């Protein structure tokens, strides 16, 4: 059944390619530099949270 569902899905409409030019102006405009991603919390904090959750 899964295979039939995948084959039955209609192909993407041709309107998708034209949408790309509309998005192109966005990168051209000066965008503020995105801040660096926050460093992941140390595993110690995660273990403490798990312990509190068990309590």
PDB file of N, CA and C in Angstrom:
ATOM      1  N   UNK A   1       0.834  -1.205   0.000  1.00  0.00           N
ATOM      2  CA  UNK A   1       0.000   0.000   0.000  1.00  0.00           C
ATOM      3  C   UNK A   1       0.879   1.269   0.000  1.00  0.00           C
ATOM      4  N   UNK A   2       1.980   1.237   0.782  1.00  0.00           N
ATOM      5  CA  UNK A   2       2.836   2.427   0.837  1.00  0.00           C
ATOM      6  C   UNK A   2       3.354   2.774  -0.561  1.00  0.00           C
ATOM      7  N   UNK A   3       3.761   1.724  -1.312  1.00  0.00           N
ATOM      8  CA  UNK A   3       4.308   2.003  -2.648  1.00  0.00           C
ATOM      9  C   UNK A   3       3.250   2.667  -3.519  1.00  0.00           C
ATOM     10  N   UNK A   4       2.027   2.152  -3.461  1.00  0.00           N
ATOM     11  CA  UNK A   4       0.972   2.730  -4.301  1.00  0.00           C
ATOM     12  C   UNK A   4       0.746   4.195  -3.921  1.00  0.00           C
ATOM     13  N   UNK A   5       0.830   4.503  -2.617  1.00  0.00           N
ATOM     14  CA  UNK A   5       0.609   5.889  -2.183  1.00  0.00           C
ATOM     15  C   UNK A   5       1.696   6.786  -2.763  1.00  0.00           C
ATOM     16  N   UNK A   6       2.975   6.336  -2.709  1.00  0.00           N
ATOM     17  CA  UNK A   6       4.064   7.163  -3.229  1.00  0.00           C
ATOM     18  C   UNK A   6       3.866   7.410  -4.726  1.00  0.00           C
ATOM     19  N   UNK A   7       3.500   6.339  -5.473  1.00  0.00           N
ATOM     20  CA  UNK A   7       3.320   6.493  -6.918  1.00  0.00           C
ATOM     21  C   UNK A   7       2.109   7.386  -7.191  1.00  0.00           C
ATOM     22  N   UNK A   8       1.077   7.290  -6.368  1.00  0.00           N
ATOM     23  CA  UNK A   8      -0.143   8.061  -6.595  1.00  0.00           C
ATOM     24  C   UNK A   8       0.067   9.555  -6.355  1.00  0.00           C
ATOM     25  N   UNK A   9       1.093   9.940  -5.571  1.00  0.00           N
ATOM     26  CA  UNK A   9       1.293  11.370  -5.307  1.00  0.00           C
ATOM     27  C   UNK A   9       1.512  12.115  -6.625  1.00  0.00           C
ATOM     28  N   UNK A  10       0.816  13.218  -6.871  1.00  0.00           N
ATOM     29  CA  UNK A  10       0.988  13.984  -8.118  1.00  0.00           C
ATOM     30  C   UNK A  10       2.361  14.643  -8.140  1.00  0.00           C
ATOM     31  N   UNK A  11       2.956  14.842  -9.321  1.00  0.00           N
ATOM     32  CA  UNK A  11       4.279  15.491  -9.410  1.00  0.00           C
ATOM     33  C   UNK A  11       4.187  16.935  -8.935  1.00  0.00           C
ATOM     34  N   UNK A  12       5.297  17.536  -8.515  1.00  0.00           N
ATOM     35  CA  UNK A  12       5.256  18.927  -8.028  1.00  0.00           C
ATOM     36  C   UNK A  12       4.759  19.850  -9.131  1.00  0.00           C
ATOM     37  N   UNK A  13       3.910  20.818  -8.832  1.00  0.00           N
ATOM     38  CA  UNK A  13       3.383  21.726  -9.870  1.00  0.00           C
ATOM     39  C   UNK A  13       4.512  22.542 -10.485  1.00  0.00           C
ATOM     40  N   UNK A  14       4.393  22.932 -11.754  1.00  0.00           N
ATOM     41  CA  UNK A  14       5.458  23.705 -12.422  1.00  0.00           C
ATOM     42  C   UNK A  14       5.607  25.096 -11.820  1.00  0.00           C
ATOM     43  N   UNK A  15       4.728  25.489 -10.901  1.00  0.00           N
ATOM     44  CA  UNK A  15       4.793  26.833 -10.325  1.00  0.00           C
ATOM     45  C   UNK A  15       5.976  26.957  -9.356  1.00  0.00           C
ATOM     46  N   UNK A  16       6.602  25.824  -8.973  1.00  0.00           N
ATOM     47  CA  UNK A  16       7.720  25.898  -8.027  1.00  0.00           C
ATOM     48  C   UNK A  16       8.934  26.602  -8.643  1.00  0.00           C
ATOM     49  N   UNK A  17       9.402  26.239  -9.856  1.00  0.00           N
ATOM     50  CA  UNK A  17      10.584  26.908 -10.437  1.00  0.00           C
ATOM     51  C   UNK A  17      10.429  28.427 -10.481  1.00  0.00           C
ATOM     52  N   UNK A  18       9.300  28.974 -10.957  1.00  0.00           N
ATOM     53  CA  UNK A  18       9.142  30.440 -10.987  1.00  0.00           C
ATOM     54  C   UNK A  18       9.282  31.076  -9.605  1.00  0.00           C
ATOM     55  N   UNK A  19       8.974  30.336  -8.550  1.00  0.00           N
ATOM     56  CA  UNK A  19       9.040  30.912  -7.205  1.00  0.00           C
ATOM     57  C   UNK A  19      10.490  31.183  -6.804  1.00  0.00           C
ATOM     58  N   UNK A  20      11.445  30.453  -7.397  1.00  0.00           N
ATOM     59  CA  UNK A  20      12.856  30.651  -7.038  1.00  0.00           C
ATOM     60  C   UNK A  20      13.315  32.083  -7.334  1.00  0.00           C
ATOM     61  N   UNK A  21      13.057  32.632  -8.547  1.00  0.00           N
ATOM     62  CA  UNK A  21      13.482  34.019  -8.832  1.00  0.00           C
ATOM     63  C   UNK A  21      12.926  35.008  -7.805  1.00  0.00           C
ATOM     64  N   UNK A  22      11.718  34.769  -7.300  1.00  0.00           N
ATOM     65  CA  UNK A  22      11.140  35.685  -6.315  1.00  0.00           C
ATOM     66  C   UNK A  22      11.974  35.677  -5.034  1.00  0.00           C
ATOM     67  N   UNK A  23      12.526  34.503  -4.671  1.00  0.00           N
ATOM     68  CA  UNK A  23      13.314  34.413  -3.442  1.00  0.00           C
ATOM     69  C   UNK A  23      14.731  34.936  -3.660  1.00  0.00           C
ATOM     70  N   UNK A  24      15.198  35.006  -4.912  1.00  0.00           N
ATOM     71  CA  UNK A  24      16.578  35.423  -5.187  1.00  0.00           C
ATOM     72  C   UNK A  24      16.866  36.825  -4.631  1.00  0.00           C
ATOM     73  N   UNK A  25      15.956  37.797  -4.734  1.00  0.00           N
ATOM     74  CA  UNK A  25      16.242  39.145  -4.207  1.00  0.00           C
ATOM     75  C   UNK A  25      16.557  39.140  -2.711  1.00  0.00           C
ATOM     76  N   UNK A  26      16.036  38.174  -1.966  1.00  0.00           N
ATOM     77  CA  UNK A  26      16.261  38.164  -0.520  1.00  0.00           C
ATOM     78  C   UNK A  26      17.753  38.046  -0.193  1.00  0.00           C
ATOM     79  N   UNK A  27      18.465  37.025  -0.727  1.00  0.00           N
ATOM     80  CA  UNK A  27      19.898  36.898  -0.407  1.00  0.00           C
ATOM     81  C   UNK A  27      20.679  38.125  -0.867  1.00  0.00           C
ATOM     82  N   UNK A  28      20.261  38.756  -1.995  1.00  0.00           N
ATOM     83  CA  UNK A  28      21.005  39.902  -2.523  1.00  0.00           C
ATOM     84  C   UNK A  28      20.952  41.066  -1.528  1.00  0.00           C
ATOM     85  N   UNK A  29      19.839  41.215  -0.800  1.00  0.00           N
ATOM     86  CA  UNK A  29      19.719  42.325   0.146  1.00  0.00           C
ATOM     87  C   UNK A  29      20.662  42.083   1.332  1.00  0.00           C
ATOM     88  N   UNK A  30      21.250  43.144   1.894  1.00  0.00           N
ATOM     89  CA  UNK A  30      22.184  42.966   3.031  1.00  0.00           C
ATOM     90  C   UNK A  30      21.453  42.416   4.250  1.00  0.00           C
ATOM     91  N   UNK A  31      21.824  41.228   4.681  1.00  0.00           N
ATOM     92  CA  UNK A  31      21.176  40.630   5.857  1.00  0.00           C
ATOM     93  C   UNK A  31      22.130  40.682   7.052  1.00  0.00           C
ATOM     94  N   UNK A  32      21.643  40.931   8.252  1.00  0.00           N
ATOM     95  CA  UNK A  32      22.519  40.966   9.439  1.00  0.00           C
ATOM     96  C   UNK A  32      23.128  39.590   9.670  1.00  0.00           C
ATOM     97  N   UNK A  33      24.393  39.515  10.060  1.00  0.00           N
ATOM     98  CA  UNK A  33      25.033  38.203  10.294  1.00  0.00           C
ATOM     99  C   UNK A  33      24.313  37.441  11.393  1.00  0.00           C
ATOM    100  N   UNK A  34      23.974  36.192  11.103  1.00  0.00           N
ATOM    101  CA  UNK A  34      23.250  35.401  12.108  1.00  0.00           C
ATOM    102  C   UNK A  34      24.167  35.127  13.297  1.00  0.00           C
ATOM    103  N   UNK A  35      23.680  35.241  14.528  1.00  0.00           N
ATOM    104  CA  UNK A  35      24.513  34.994  15.718  1.00  0.00           C
ATOM    105  C   UNK A  35      24.949  33.538  15.758  1.00  0.00           C
ATOM    106  N   UNK A  36      26.114  33.236  16.320  1.00  0.00           N
ATOM    107  CA  UNK A  36      26.586  31.842  16.388  1.00  0.00           C
ATOM    108  C   UNK A  36      25.616  30.992  17.196  1.00  0.00           C
ATOM    109  N   UNK A  37      25.427  29.728  16.809  1.00  0.00           N
ATOM    110  CA  UNK A  37      24.488  28.869  17.552  1.00  0.00           C
ATOM    111  C   UNK A  37      24.961  28.674  18.984  1.00  0.00           C
ATOM    112  N   UNK A  38      24.070  28.695  19.960  1.00  0.00           N
ATOM    113  CA  UNK A  38      24.469  28.528  21.367  1.00  0.00           C
ATOM    114  C   UNK A  38      25.104  27.167  21.588  1.00  0.00           C
ATOM    115  N   UNK A  39      26.154  27.122  22.369  1.00  0.00           N
ATOM    116  CA  UNK A  39      26.827  25.845  22.618  1.00  0.00           C
ATOM    117  C   UNK A  39      25.885  24.904  23.367  1.00  0.00           C
ATOM    118  N   UNK A  40      25.889  23.612  23.020  1.00  0.00           N
ATOM    119  CA  UNK A  40      24.985  22.671  23.704  1.00  0.00           C
ATOM    120  C   UNK A  40      25.338  22.568  25.177  1.00  0.00           C
ATOM    121  N   UNK A  41      24.358  22.417  26.070  1.00  0.00           N
ATOM    122  CA  UNK A  41      24.633  22.333  27.510  1.00  0.00           C
ATOM    123  C   UNK A  41      25.480  21.108  27.813  1.00  0.00           C
ATOM    124  N   UNK A  42      26.361  21.172  28.796  1.00  0.00           N
ATOM    125  CA  UNK A  42      27.193  20.010  29.142  1.00  0.00           C
ATOM    126  C   UNK A  42      26.327  18.830  29.555  1.00  0.00           C
ATOM    127  N   UNK A  43      26.812  17.601  29.349  1.00  0.00           N
ATOM    128  CA  UNK A  43      26.017  16.413  29.697  1.00  0.00           C
ATOM    129  C   UNK A  43      25.663  16.380  31.183  1.00  0.00           C
ATOM    130  N   UNK A  44      26.468  17.049  32.021  1.00  0.00           N
ATOM    131  CA  UNK A  44      26.182  17.017  33.458  1.00  0.00           C
ATOM    132  C   UNK A  44      24.803  17.612  33.727  1.00  0.00           C
ATOM    133  N   UNK A  45      24.495  18.758  33.085  1.00  0.00           N
ATOM    134  CA  UNK A  45      23.187  19.380  33.330  1.00  0.00           C
ATOM    135  C   UNK A  45      22.081  18.425  32.902  1.00  0.00           C
ATOM    136  N   UNK A  46      22.292  17.758  31.763  1.00  0.00           N
ATOM    137  CA  UNK A  46      21.242  16.852  31.282  1.00  0.00           C
ATOM    138  C   UNK A  46      21.017  15.733  32.287  1.00  0.00           C
ATOM    139  N   UNK A  47      22.097  15.187  32.830  1.00  0.00           N
ATOM    140  CA  UNK A  47      21.942  14.081  33.785  1.00  0.00           C
ATOM    141  C   UNK A  47      21.190  14.576  35.018  1.00  0.00           C
ATOM    142  N   UNK A  48      21.524  15.788  35.488  1.00  0.00           N
ATOM    143  CA  UNK A  48      20.831  16.328  36.665  1.00  0.00           C
ATOM    144  C   UNK A  48      19.341  16.467  36.377  1.00  0.00           C
ATOM    145  N   UNK A  49      19.001  16.978  35.185  1.00  0.00           N
ATOM    146  CA  UNK A  49      17.584  17.162  34.837  1.00  0.00           C
ATOM    147  C   UNK A  49      16.889  15.813  34.855  1.00  0.00           C
ATOM    148  N   UNK A  50      17.546  14.782  34.296  1.00  0.00           N
ATOM    149  CA  UNK A  50      16.929  13.445  34.273  1.00  0.00           C
ATOM    150  C   UNK A  50      16.703  12.973  35.711  1.00  0.00           C
ATOM    151  N   UNK A  51      17.697  13.189  36.594  1.00  0.00           N
ATOM    152  CA  UNK A  51      17.559  12.754  37.986  1.00  0.00           C
ATOM    153  C   UNK A  51      16.369  13.466  38.637  1.00  0.00           C
ATOM    154  N   UNK A  52      16.272  14.783  38.430  1.00  0.00           N
ATOM    155  CA  UNK A  52      15.148  15.523  39.027  1.00  0.00           C
ATOM    156  C   UNK A  52      13.830  14.977  38.487  1.00  0.00           C
ATOM    157  N   UNK A  53      13.793  14.679  37.175  1.00  0.00           N
ATOM    158  CA  UNK A  53      12.561  14.158  36.584  1.00  0.00           C
ATOM    159  C   UNK A  53      12.172  12.845  37.251  1.00  0.00           C
ATOM    160  N   UNK A  54      13.154  11.982  37.540  1.00  0.00           N
ATOM    161  CA  UNK A  54      12.839  10.705  38.190  1.00  0.00           C
ATOM    162  C   UNK A  54      12.299  10.950  39.593  1.00  0.00           C
ATOM    163  N   UNK A  55      12.877  11.929  40.295  1.00  0.00           N
ATOM    164  CA  UNK A  55      12.404  12.211  41.646  1.00  0.00           C
ATOM    165  C   UNK A  55      10.953  12.676  41.585  1.00  0.00           C
TER     166      UNK A  55
END
